Amino acid sequence: MSDKNNFKSGYEIRESLIGMAIGINQERVEREISNEFLKPEGQRNPVNNYTVDEVLSTAETLYKFVTKK
């Protein structure tokens, strides 16, 4: 957990970024599924779930933003 000054360790920051990355990818998949259900029956395509690599890539993008000066 955070210390009394509310600073997070590197581990805690990475853990938070992974959680955010999972949420971003999960929302993307849910949006794609919803969009597919708007199509007429027979024209819908399957939606692939997110992968670990996609989560890590998203987390790395978030980390670059956080560490940008």
PDB file of N, CA and C in Angstrom:
ATOM      1  N   MET A   1       0.841  -1.185   0.000  1.00  0.00           N
ATOM      2  CA  MET A   1       0.000   0.000   0.000  1.00  0.00           C
ATOM      3  C   MET A   1       0.884   1.244   0.000  1.00  0.00           C
ATOM      4  N   SER A   2       0.263   2.384  -0.188  1.00  0.00           N
ATOM      5  CA  SER A   2       0.997   3.637  -0.223  1.00  0.00           C
ATOM      6  C   SER A   2       1.439   4.026   1.180  1.00  0.00           C
ATOM      7  N   ASP A   3       2.575   4.725   1.252  1.00  0.00           N
ATOM      8  CA  ASP A   3       3.020   5.184   2.566  1.00  0.00           C
ATOM      9  C   ASP A   3       2.206   6.397   2.992  1.00  0.00           C
ATOM     10  N   LYS A   4       2.567   6.992   4.138  1.00  0.00           N
ATOM     11  CA  LYS A   4       1.739   8.063   4.684  1.00  0.00           C
ATOM     12  C   LYS A   4       1.744   9.334   3.838  1.00  0.00           C
ATOM     13  N   ASN A   5       2.700   9.485   2.911  1.00  0.00           N
ATOM     14  CA  ASN A   5       2.734  10.653   2.040  1.00  0.00           C
ATOM     15  C   ASN A   5       1.998  10.412   0.728  1.00  0.00           C
ATOM     16  N   ASN A   6       1.332   9.264   0.602  1.00  0.00           N
ATOM     17  CA  ASN A   6       0.555   8.905  -0.584  1.00  0.00           C
ATOM     18  C   ASN A   6       1.400   8.735  -1.835  1.00  0.00           C
ATOM     19  N   PHE A   7       2.674   8.396  -1.669  1.00  0.00           N
ATOM     20  CA  PHE A   7       3.519   8.064  -2.804  1.00  0.00           C
ATOM     21  C   PHE A   7       3.398   6.577  -3.075  1.00  0.00           C
ATOM     22  N   LYS A   8       3.394   6.211  -4.350  1.00  0.00           N
ATOM     23  CA  LYS A   8       3.302   4.801  -4.709  1.00  0.00           C
ATOM     24  C   LYS A   8       4.679   4.303  -5.128  1.00  0.00           C
ATOM     25  N   SER A   9       4.951   3.062  -4.798  1.00  0.00           N
ATOM     26  CA  SER A   9       6.191   2.441  -5.257  1.00  0.00           C
ATOM     27  C   SER A   9       6.057   2.120  -6.742  1.00  0.00           C
ATOM     28  N   GLY A  10       7.174   1.809  -7.378  1.00  0.00           N
ATOM     29  CA  GLY A  10       7.151   1.424  -8.784  1.00  0.00           C
ATOM     30  C   GLY A  10       6.251   0.230  -9.019  1.00  0.00           C
ATOM     31  N   TYR A  11       6.289  -0.731  -8.083  1.00  0.00           N
ATOM     32  CA  TYR A  11       5.440  -1.915  -8.198  1.00  0.00           C
ATOM     33  C   TYR A  11       3.965  -1.526  -8.183  1.00  0.00           C
ATOM     34  N   GLU A  12       3.592  -0.636  -7.268  1.00  0.00           N
ATOM     35  CA  GLU A  12       2.192  -0.217  -7.163  1.00  0.00           C
ATOM     36  C   GLU A  12       1.740   0.545  -8.409  1.00  0.00           C
ATOM     37  N   ILE A  13       2.630   1.350  -8.970  1.00  0.00           N
ATOM     38  CA  ILE A  13       2.292   2.075 -10.195  1.00  0.00           C
ATOM     39  C   ILE A  13       2.068   1.093 -11.332  1.00  0.00           C
ATOM     40  N   ARG A  14       2.984   0.119 -11.491  1.00  0.00           N
ATOM     41  CA  ARG A  14       2.830  -0.866 -12.559  1.00  0.00           C
ATOM     42  C   ARG A  14       1.566  -1.693 -12.369  1.00  0.00           C
ATOM     43  N   GLU A  15       1.267  -2.037 -11.121  1.00  0.00           N
ATOM     44  CA  GLU A  15       0.046  -2.797 -10.834  1.00  0.00           C
ATOM     45  C   GLU A  15      -1.197  -1.993 -11.235  1.00  0.00           C
ATOM     46  N   SER A  16      -1.207  -0.718 -10.923  1.00  0.00           N
ATOM     47  CA  SER A  16      -2.333   0.145 -11.300  1.00  0.00           C
ATOM     48  C   SER A  16      -2.459   0.259 -12.811  1.00  0.00           C
ATOM     49  N   LEU A  17      -1.314   0.385 -13.489  1.00  0.00           N
ATOM     50  CA  LEU A  17      -1.335   0.509 -14.947  1.00  0.00           C
ATOM     51  C   LEU A  17      -1.840  -0.763 -15.602  1.00  0.00           C
ATOM     52  N   ILE A  18      -1.473  -1.919 -15.063  1.00  0.00           N
ATOM     53  CA  ILE A  18      -1.977  -3.191 -15.604  1.00  0.00           C
ATOM     54  C   ILE A  18      -3.503  -3.242 -15.437  1.00  0.00           C
ATOM     55  N   GLY A  19      -3.990  -2.832 -14.271  1.00  0.00           N
ATOM     56  CA  GLY A  19      -5.442  -2.807 -14.037  1.00  0.00           C
ATOM     57  C   GLY A  19      -6.152  -1.880 -15.006  1.00  0.00           C
ATOM     58  N   MET A  20      -5.563  -0.701 -15.247  1.00  0.00           N
ATOM     59  CA  MET A  20      -6.152   0.228 -16.207  1.00  0.00           C
ATOM     60  C   MET A  20      -6.125  -0.354 -17.615  1.00  0.00           C
ATOM     61  N   ALA A  21      -5.018  -0.985 -17.969  1.00  0.00           N
ATOM     62  CA  ALA A  21      -4.881  -1.570 -19.310  1.00  0.00           C
ATOM     63  C   ALA A  21      -5.906  -2.678 -19.529  1.00  0.00           C
ATOM     64  N   ILE A  22      -6.130  -3.498 -18.511  1.00  0.00           N
ATOM     65  CA  ILE A  22      -7.156  -4.541 -18.618  1.00  0.00           C
ATOM     66  C   ILE A  22      -8.522  -3.890 -18.833  1.00  0.00           C
ATOM     67  N   GLY A  23      -8.818  -2.858 -18.068  1.00  0.00           N
ATOM     68  CA  GLY A  23     -10.094  -2.163 -18.198  1.00  0.00           C
ATOM     69  C   GLY A  23     -10.282  -1.549 -19.576  1.00  0.00           C
ATOM     70  N   ILE A  24      -9.242  -0.931 -20.110  1.00  0.00           N
ATOM     71  CA  ILE A  24      -9.315  -0.325 -21.438  1.00  0.00           C
ATOM     72  C   ILE A  24      -9.611  -1.386 -22.487  1.00  0.00           C
ATOM     73  N   ASN A  25      -8.877  -2.494 -22.432  1.00  0.00           N
ATOM     74  CA  ASN A  25      -9.070  -3.558 -23.415  1.00  0.00           C
ATOM     75  C   ASN A  25     -10.417  -4.241 -23.246  1.00  0.00           C
ATOM     76  N   GLN A  26     -10.858  -4.417 -22.014  1.00  0.00           N
ATOM     77  CA  GLN A  26     -12.161  -5.033 -21.756  1.00  0.00           C
ATOM     78  C   GLN A  26     -13.277  -4.156 -22.309  1.00  0.00           C
ATOM     79  N   GLU A  27     -13.183  -2.857 -22.107  1.00  0.00           N
ATOM     80  CA  GLU A  27     -14.186  -1.931 -22.635  1.00  0.00           C
ATOM     81  C   GLU A  27     -14.201  -1.954 -24.163  1.00  0.00           C
ATOM     82  N   ARG A  28     -13.019  -2.050 -24.775  1.00  0.00           N
ATOM     83  CA  ARG A  28     -12.940  -2.107 -26.236  1.00  0.00           C
ATOM     84  C   ARG A  28     -13.665  -3.331 -26.769  1.00  0.00           C
ATOM     85  N   VAL A  29     -13.416  -4.488 -26.130  1.00  0.00           N
ATOM     86  CA  VAL A  29     -14.063  -5.728 -26.578  1.00  0.00           C
ATOM     87  C   VAL A  29     -15.573  -5.638 -26.378  1.00  0.00           C
ATOM     88  N   GLU A  30     -16.016  -5.119 -25.243  1.00  0.00           N
ATOM     89  CA  GLU A  30     -17.453  -4.985 -24.991  1.00  0.00           C
ATOM     90  C   GLU A  30     -18.112  -4.051 -26.009  1.00  0.00           C
ATOM     91  N   ARG A  31     -17.413  -2.968 -26.380  1.00  0.00           N
ATOM     92  CA  ARG A  31     -17.940  -2.037 -27.380  1.00  0.00           C
ATOM     93  C   ARG A  31     -18.040  -2.720 -28.741  1.00  0.00           C
ATOM     94  N   GLU A  32     -17.004  -3.505 -29.099  1.00  0.00           N
ATOM     95  CA  GLU A  32     -17.043  -4.225 -30.374  1.00  0.00           C
ATOM     96  C   GLU A  32     -18.192  -5.240 -30.407  1.00  0.00           C
ATOM     97  N   ILE A  33     -18.421  -5.923 -29.284  1.00  0.00           N
ATOM     98  CA  ILE A  33     -19.532  -6.875 -29.208  1.00  0.00           C
ATOM     99  C   ILE A  33     -20.866  -6.150 -29.376  1.00  0.00           C
ATOM    100  N   SER A  34     -21.025  -5.032 -28.688  1.00  0.00           N
ATOM    101  CA  SER A  34     -22.267  -4.251 -28.809  1.00  0.00           C
ATOM    102  C   SER A  34     -22.482  -3.797 -30.241  1.00  0.00           C
ATOM    103  N   ASN A  35     -21.412  -3.363 -30.895  1.00  0.00           N
ATOM    104  CA  ASN A  35     -21.526  -2.922 -32.292  1.00  0.00           C
ATOM    105  C   ASN A  35     -21.928  -4.078 -33.204  1.00  0.00           C
ATOM    106  N   GLU A  36     -21.426  -5.267 -32.920  1.00  0.00           N
ATOM    107  CA  GLU A  36     -21.792  -6.426 -33.738  1.00  0.00           C
ATOM    108  C   GLU A  36     -23.275  -6.764 -33.576  1.00  0.00           C
ATOM    109  N   PHE A  37     -23.810  -6.585 -32.374  1.00  0.00           N
ATOM    110  CA  PHE A  37     -25.222  -6.880 -32.146  1.00  0.00           C
ATOM    111  C   PHE A  37     -26.149  -5.874 -32.830  1.00  0.00           C
ATOM    112  N   LEU A  38     -25.605  -4.742 -33.243  1.00  0.00           N
ATOM    113  CA  LEU A  38     -26.406  -3.769 -33.993  1.00  0.00           C
ATOM    114  C   LEU A  38     -26.598  -4.210 -35.443  1.00  0.00           C
ATOM    115  N   LYS A  39     -25.747  -5.108 -35.898  1.00  0.00           N
ATOM    116  CA  LYS A  39     -25.847  -5.611 -37.269  1.00  0.00           C
ATOM    117  C   LYS A  39     -26.975  -6.638 -37.356  1.00  0.00           C
ATOM    118  N   PRO A  40     -27.560  -6.787 -38.542  1.00  0.00           N
ATOM    119  CA  PRO A  40     -28.612  -7.795 -38.720  1.00  0.00           C
ATOM    120  C   PRO A  40     -28.063  -9.209 -38.502  1.00  0.00           C
ATOM    121  N   GLU A  41     -28.925 -10.082 -38.053  1.00  0.00           N
ATOM    122  CA  GLU A  41     -28.569 -11.493 -37.862  1.00  0.00           C
ATOM    123  C   GLU A  41     -27.991 -12.040 -39.168  1.00  0.00           C
ATOM    124  N   GLY A  42     -26.916 -12.771 -39.088  1.00  0.00           N
ATOM    125  CA  GLY A  42     -26.282 -13.345 -40.265  1.00  0.00           C
ATOM    126  C   GLY A  42     -25.149 -12.489 -40.812  1.00  0.00           C
ATOM    127  N   GLN A  43     -25.064 -11.243 -40.374  1.00  0.00           N
ATOM    128  CA  GLN A  43     -23.984 -10.355 -40.820  1.00  0.00           C
ATOM    129  C   GLN A  43     -22.993 -10.063 -39.700  1.00  0.00           C
ATOM    130  N   ARG A  44     -23.217 -10.678 -38.566  1.00  0.00           N
ATOM    131  CA  ARG A  44     -22.359 -10.435 -37.403  1.00  0.00           C
ATOM    132  C   ARG A  44     -21.078 -11.252 -37.504  1.00  0.00           C
ATOM    133  N   ASN A  45     -19.988 -10.648 -37.063  1.00  0.00           N
ATOM    134  CA  ASN A  45     -18.692 -11.321 -37.034  1.00  0.00           C
ATOM    135  C   ASN A  45     -18.297 -11.599 -35.590  1.00  0.00           C
ATOM    136  N   PRO A  46     -17.541 -12.662 -35.356  1.00  0.00           N
ATOM    137  CA  PRO A  46     -17.073 -12.932 -33.993  1.00  0.00           C
ATOM    138  C   PRO A  46     -16.085 -11.857 -33.546  1.00  0.00           C
ATOM    139  N   VAL A  47     -16.078 -11.592 -32.263  1.00  0.00           N
ATOM    140  CA  VAL A  47     -15.161 -10.609 -31.680  1.00  0.00           C
ATOM    141  C   VAL A  47     -14.150 -11.371 -30.832  1.00  0.00           C
ATOM    142  N   ASN A  48     -12.895 -11.141 -31.116  1.00  0.00           N
ATOM    143  CA  ASN A  48     -11.833 -11.783 -30.340  1.00  0.00           C
ATOM    144  C   ASN A  48     -11.636 -11.068 -29.018  1.00  0.00           C
ATOM    145  N   ASN A  49     -11.373 -11.841 -27.980  1.00  0.00           N
ATOM    146  CA  ASN A  49     -11.062 -11.269 -26.678  1.00  0.00           C
ATOM    147  C   ASN A  49      -9.674 -10.662 -26.725  1.00  0.00           C
ATOM    148  N   TYR A  50      -9.348  -9.823 -25.760  1.00  0.00           N
ATOM    149  CA  TYR A  50      -8.013  -9.231 -25.723  1.00  0.00           C
ATOM    150  C   TYR A  50      -6.993 -10.262 -25.257  1.00  0.00           C
ATOM    151  N   THR A  51      -5.741 -10.026 -25.631  1.00  0.00           N
ATOM    152  CA  THR A  51      -4.654 -10.936 -25.265  1.00  0.00           C
ATOM    153  C   THR A  51      -3.773 -10.294 -24.203  1.00  0.00           C
ATOM    154  N   VAL A  52      -2.938 -11.105 -23.602  1.00  0.00           N
ATOM    155  CA  VAL A  52      -1.971 -10.597 -22.617  1.00  0.00           C
ATOM    156  C   VAL A  52      -1.047  -9.580 -23.287  1.00  0.00           C
ATOM    157  N   ASP A  53      -0.632  -9.875 -24.511  1.00  0.00           N
ATOM    158  CA  ASP A  53       0.251  -8.953 -25.230  1.00  0.00           C
ATOM    159  C   ASP A  53      -0.413  -7.594 -25.440  1.00  0.00           C
ATOM    160  N   GLU A  54      -1.707  -7.593 -25.735  1.00  0.00           N
ATOM    161  CA  GLU A  54      -2.424  -6.326 -25.901  1.00  0.00           C
ATOM    162  C   GLU A  54      -2.484  -5.564 -24.574  1.00  0.00           C
ATOM    163  N   VAL A  55      -2.708  -6.275 -23.491  1.00  0.00           N
ATOM    164  CA  VAL A  55      -2.744  -5.630 -22.171  1.00  0.00           C
ATOM    165  C   VAL A  55      -1.385  -5.026 -21.853  1.00  0.00           C
ATOM    166  N   LEU A  56      -0.320  -5.789 -22.088  1.00  0.00           N
ATOM    167  CA  LEU A  56       1.023  -5.287 -21.800  1.00  0.00           C
ATOM    168  C   LEU A  56       1.372  -4.094 -22.682  1.00  0.00           C
ATOM    169  N   SER A  57       0.977  -4.143 -23.930  1.00  0.00           N
ATOM    170  CA  SER A  57       1.230  -3.027 -24.846  1.00  0.00           C
ATOM    171  C   SER A  57       0.493  -1.769 -24.380  1.00  0.00           C
ATOM    172  N   THR A  58      -0.751  -1.926 -23.973  1.00  0.00           N
ATOM    173  CA  THR A  58      -1.533  -0.793 -23.475  1.00  0.00           C
ATOM    174  C   THR A  58      -0.912  -0.249 -22.195  1.00  0.00           C
ATOM    175  N   ALA A  59      -0.483  -1.138 -21.301  1.00  0.00           N
ATOM    176  CA  ALA A  59       0.152  -0.709 -20.048  1.00  0.00           C
ATOM    177  C   ALA A  59       1.457   0.038 -20.335  1.00  0.00           C
ATOM    178  N   GLU A  60       2.219  -0.433 -21.299  1.00  0.00           N
ATOM    179  CA  GLU A  60       3.463   0.251 -21.653  1.00  0.00           C
ATOM    180  C   GLU A  60       3.186   1.644 -22.206  1.00  0.00           C
ATOM    181  N   THR A  61       2.133   1.775 -22.992  1.00  0.00           N
ATOM    182  CA  THR A  61       1.743   3.086 -23.515  1.00  0.00           C
ATOM    183  C   THR A  61       1.374   4.016 -22.364  1.00  0.00           C
ATOM    184  N   LEU A  62       0.606   3.507 -21.400  1.00  0.00           N
ATOM    185  CA  LEU A  62       0.236   4.315 -20.235  1.00  0.00           C
ATOM    186  C   LEU A  62       1.479   4.699 -19.423  1.00  0.00           C
ATOM    187  N   TYR A  63       2.405   3.753 -19.269  1.00  0.00           N
ATOM    188  CA  TYR A  63       3.629   4.008 -18.498  1.00  0.00           C
ATOM    189  C   TYR A  63       4.472   5.088 -19.171  1.00  0.00           C
ATOM    190  N   LYS A  64       4.568   5.043 -20.509  1.00  0.00           N
ATOM    191  CA  LYS A  64       5.321   6.073 -21.234  1.00  0.00           C
ATOM    192  C   LYS A  64       4.715   7.449 -20.978  1.00  0.00           C
ATOM    193  N   PHE A  65       3.388   7.500 -20.942  1.00  0.00           N
ATOM    194  CA  PHE A  65       2.717   8.767 -20.665  1.00  0.00           C
ATOM    195  C   PHE A  65       3.033   9.250 -19.246  1.00  0.00           C
ATOM    196  N   VAL A  66       3.017   8.344 -18.295  1.00  0.00           N
ATOM    197  CA  VAL A  66       3.255   8.706 -16.899  1.00  0.00           C
ATOM    198  C   VAL A  66       4.679   9.209 -16.697  1.00  0.00           C
ATOM    199  N   THR A  67       5.643   8.590 -17.389  1.00  0.00           N
ATOM    200  CA  THR A  67       7.041   8.944 -17.182  1.00  0.00           C
ATOM    201  C   THR A  67       7.517  10.071 -18.096  1.00  0.00           C
ATOM    202  N   LYS A  68       6.642  10.522 -19.005  1.00  0.00           N
ATOM    203  CA  LYS A  68       6.992  11.599 -19.934  1.00  0.00           C
ATOM    204  C   LYS A  68       7.212  12.890 -19.157  1.00  0.00           C
ATOM    205  N   LYS A  69       8.290  13.565 -19.493  1.00  0.00           N
ATOM    206  CA  LYS A  69       8.607  14.833 -18.775  1.00  0.00           C
ATOM    207  C   LYS A  69       8.149  16.027 -19.562  1.00  0.00           C
TER     208      LYS A  69
END
